[in-house]
Protein backbone atom coordinates (compact mmCIF):
# COMPACT_ATOMS: atom_id res chain seq x y z
CA MET A 1 -0.02 -0.08 0.02
CA PRO A 2 1.55 3.33 -0.99
CA ARG A 3 2.48 5.80 1.84
CA LYS A 4 0.62 8.96 1.92
CA ILE A 5 2.55 11.98 0.83
CA GLY A 6 3.75 13.99 3.84
CA ALA A 7 3.25 11.19 6.32
CA MET A 8 5.98 10.96 8.86
CA LYS A 9 7.55 7.63 9.55
CA GLN A 10 7.70 6.86 13.23
CA LYS A 11 11.05 6.02 14.55
CA LYS A 12 10.97 2.84 16.58
CA ARG A 13 13.04 3.03 19.78
CA GLY A 14 15.77 0.43 19.66
CA ALA A 15 16.01 -2.06 22.55
CA GLY A 16 19.45 -0.81 23.58
CA GLN A 17 18.58 2.87 23.23
CA ALA A 18 18.66 4.79 26.56
CA PRO A 19 15.62 6.96 27.60
CA LEU A 20 16.08 10.69 27.09
CA LYS A 21 16.27 11.46 30.77
CA GLU A 22 19.08 9.02 31.30
CA VAL A 23 21.00 10.55 28.34
CA GLN A 24 20.41 14.11 29.78
CA GLU A 25 21.59 13.00 33.21
CA HIS A 26 24.68 11.25 31.76
CA ASN A 27 25.54 14.48 29.81
CA ARG A 28 24.98 16.70 32.78
CA ARG A 29 27.33 14.46 34.93
CA SER A 30 29.88 14.55 32.12
CA ARG A 31 29.74 18.33 32.01
CA GLU A 32 30.23 18.60 35.78
CA MET A 33 33.18 16.25 35.61
CA GLU A 34 34.68 18.27 32.83
CA MET A 35 34.16 21.49 34.79
CA GLU A 36 35.74 19.98 37.93
CA ALA A 37 38.61 18.90 35.83
CA VAL A 38 39.02 22.45 34.39
CA ILE A 39 38.78 24.03 37.86
CA GLN A 40 41.30 21.64 39.26
CA ASP A 41 43.61 22.36 36.33
CA ILE A 42 43.25 26.11 36.99
CA PHE A 43 43.99 25.60 40.63
CA GLU A 44 47.10 23.43 39.93
CA GLN A 45 48.47 26.10 37.63
CA HIS A 46 47.84 28.83 40.31
CA HIS A 47 49.28 26.63 42.98
CA GLN A 48 52.44 26.11 40.91
CA LYS A 49 52.90 29.77 40.38
CA HIS A 50 51.76 30.96 43.82
CA PRO A 51 52.00 28.07 46.32
CA GLU A 52 52.43 30.46 49.33
CA GLU A 53 49.02 32.18 48.56
CA VAL A 54 47.14 28.99 48.41
CA ASP A 55 48.76 27.54 51.50
CA LEU A 56 48.09 30.82 53.40
CA ALA A 57 44.34 30.62 52.33
CA TRP A 58 44.10 27.09 53.66
CA SER A 59 45.86 27.99 56.90
CA ILE A 60 43.30 30.70 57.73
CA GLY A 61 40.43 28.43 56.84
CA VAL A 62 39.15 30.13 53.65
CA TYR A 63 40.27 27.54 51.21
CA ASP A 64 39.04 24.02 50.86
CA PRO A 65 40.46 21.89 47.98
CA PHE A 66 37.32 19.68 47.97
CA ALA A 67 34.60 22.32 48.27
CA GLY A 68 31.84 21.44 45.81
CA MET A 69 33.35 18.12 44.79
CA LYS A 70 31.02 15.18 44.83
CA ASN A 71 31.48 11.59 45.70
CA ILE A 72 34.03 12.18 48.40
CA ARG A 73 33.67 9.61 51.05
CA ALA A 74 34.61 11.09 54.38
CA ARG A 75 35.05 8.75 57.28
CA LEU A 76 32.52 8.62 60.10
CA LEU A 77 33.35 10.62 63.24
CA THR A 78 34.22 8.56 66.22
CA ASP A 79 31.99 8.67 69.42
CA LEU A 80 34.83 10.52 71.18
CA GLU A 81 34.89 13.10 68.44
CA GLN A 82 31.12 13.47 68.45
CA ASP A 83 31.23 13.89 72.28
CA TRP A 84 34.04 16.51 72.13
CA LEU A 85 32.29 18.56 69.49
CA PHE A 86 29.06 18.56 71.56
CA THR A 87 30.93 19.70 74.71
CA ALA A 88 33.05 22.15 72.78
CA LYS A 89 29.81 23.85 71.57
CA ALA A 90 28.49 23.86 75.10
CA VAL A 91 31.73 25.65 76.31
CA GLU A 92 31.54 28.11 73.50
CA TRP A 93 34.64 27.08 71.70
CA LEU A 94 32.60 26.79 68.59
CA VAL A 95 30.98 29.89 67.14
CA CYS A 96 28.19 28.31 64.93
CA ASP A 97 24.68 27.13 65.27
CA GLU A 98 25.44 23.54 64.52
CA LYS A 99 28.54 21.86 65.72
CA GLU A 100 29.02 20.00 62.46
CA ASP A 101 29.45 23.39 60.66
CA ALA A 102 32.75 23.81 62.59
CA ILE A 103 34.39 20.91 60.72
CA TYR A 104 35.10 20.19 57.07
CA PHE A 105 36.81 17.28 55.22
CA THR A 106 39.93 18.60 53.75
CA ALA A 107 43.62 17.94 53.18
CA PRO A 108 46.72 19.94 54.26
CA PRO A 109 49.23 21.64 51.98
CA PRO A 110 51.44 21.44 50.20
CA ASP A 111 49.80 18.58 48.20
CA PHE A 112 46.18 18.80 49.21
CA ALA A 113 45.92 15.07 48.37
CA LEU A 114 42.61 13.34 48.87
CA LYS A 115 44.41 10.33 50.36
CA GLN A 116 45.70 12.73 53.22
CA ALA A 117 42.21 14.13 53.80
CA ASP A 118 40.51 14.00 57.15
CA TRP A 119 38.09 16.05 59.33
CA TYR A 120 39.56 19.37 60.38
CA LEU A 121 38.28 22.09 62.58
CA ARG A 122 37.68 25.45 60.89
CA PRO A 123 39.63 28.24 62.63
CA ASP A 124 37.08 30.95 61.67
CA LEU A 125 34.36 29.07 63.44
CA THR A 126 36.33 28.40 66.71
CA THR A 127 37.41 30.77 69.52
CA PHE A 128 40.75 29.05 70.15
CA LEU A 129 42.40 28.14 66.82
CA ASP A 130 44.54 30.16 64.41
CA GLU A 131 44.68 27.54 61.68
CA PRO A 132 42.92 24.28 60.78
CA ILE A 133 43.70 21.32 62.91
CA ARG A 134 42.78 17.67 62.42
CA LEU A 135 39.70 16.96 64.72
CA SER A 136 41.37 13.87 66.18
CA ASP A 137 44.30 15.94 67.17
CA ALA A 138 42.18 18.56 68.62
CA VAL A 139 40.42 15.99 70.84
CA GLU A 140 43.81 14.99 72.28
CA GLN A 141 45.49 18.48 72.42
CA TYR A 142 42.54 20.36 73.80
CA PRO A 143 40.86 18.19 76.35
CA ILE A 144 37.79 19.72 77.91
CA THR A 145 38.53 19.54 81.54
CA LEU A 146 36.28 19.88 84.67
CA GLU A 147 37.63 23.28 85.21
CA ILE A 148 36.71 24.49 81.70
CA ILE A 149 33.17 23.06 82.11
CA GLN A 150 32.67 24.65 85.53
CA GLY A 151 33.96 27.98 84.13
CA ALA A 152 31.41 27.73 81.26
CA ILE A 153 28.65 27.11 83.75
CA GLY A 154 29.76 30.11 85.70
CA GLN A 155 29.67 32.34 82.63
CA ARG A 156 26.11 31.14 81.77
CA ILE A 157 24.84 31.66 85.36
CA HIS A 158 26.37 35.16 85.21
CA ARG A 159 24.73 35.98 82.00
CA MET A 160 21.34 34.76 83.15
CA GLY A 161 21.67 36.85 86.35
CA TRP A 162 21.06 33.98 88.74
CA THR A 163 21.94 33.88 92.36
CA MET A 164 23.37 30.80 94.07
CA ASP A 165 19.98 30.12 95.54
CA GLN A 166 18.44 30.12 91.97
CA LEU A 167 21.25 27.74 90.91
CA ASP A 168 20.45 25.41 93.80
CA GLN A 169 16.76 25.42 92.94
CA PHE A 170 17.61 24.57 89.35
CA LEU A 171 19.78 21.64 90.49
CA GLN A 172 16.99 20.34 92.71
CA LYS A 173 14.58 20.44 89.74
CA LEU A 174 17.11 18.29 87.89
CA GLY A 175 17.02 15.76 90.78
CA LEU A 176 20.42 16.56 92.04
CA GLU A 177 20.03 16.47 95.74
CA GLU A 178 23.70 15.79 96.75
CA SER A 179 26.37 18.33 97.52
CA LYS A 180 28.00 19.95 94.58
CA ALA A 181 31.30 18.71 95.81
CA GLU A 182 30.17 15.18 95.11
CA PHE A 183 29.33 15.86 91.48
CA ASP A 184 31.69 14.19 88.93
CA GLN A 185 32.46 15.52 85.42
CA ASN A 186 29.60 13.80 83.81
CA ILE A 187 27.08 15.42 86.16
CA TRP A 188 28.68 18.90 85.56
CA GLU A 189 28.57 18.34 81.83
CA MET A 190 24.76 17.49 82.15
CA ILE A 191 24.24 20.70 84.15
CA LEU A 192 26.12 22.74 81.45
CA PHE A 193 23.94 21.19 78.63
CA GLU A 194 20.78 21.93 80.66
CA LEU A 195 21.82 25.53 81.16
CA GLN A 196 22.76 25.75 77.48
CA MET A 197 19.28 24.65 76.33
CA ARG A 198 17.56 26.93 79.01
CA GLU A 199 19.70 30.01 77.80
CA GLU A 200 19.00 29.31 74.08
CA ARG A 201 15.24 29.19 74.56
């Protein structure tokens, strides 16, 4: 039977042909990878010409070699690191709303090699650092002692304008009937966290 003039022949999709969305997604990923490669190449050229500038930018916390890069598998934080960050936020060593904001997965100069990458504390979001430090090292080098915790409690009580009687009433509400001299560090930490939540309301 003759075909009608002007009739369009429908194309049959081949069995091995990818759907349009998959092709578009593949093209998008390819473009992103190409852009990352271009950016990395520009960085490498700049680093070779001005290594001291790049190293300085990293040391003050404003340069992260992996910022924006995808598919970077950072290790999970240890329980000790999580606890340290939680307490560091309570004693106001971290100046951010979320404790996780104070860390980033980065690698040190001069190589900025991914195989050397680890979690670092950002100096611009801490009150005690001048340059990035590996989180695991910070946990060891900057232990949060009982004296630091008690000092932070004292600062919060002062800001809240509490008297010692008001503090004692607060401790009774927490179910702490024993003498403060009998409190161990865990109890003082708990008091600090409770005061932190009360002050942030």
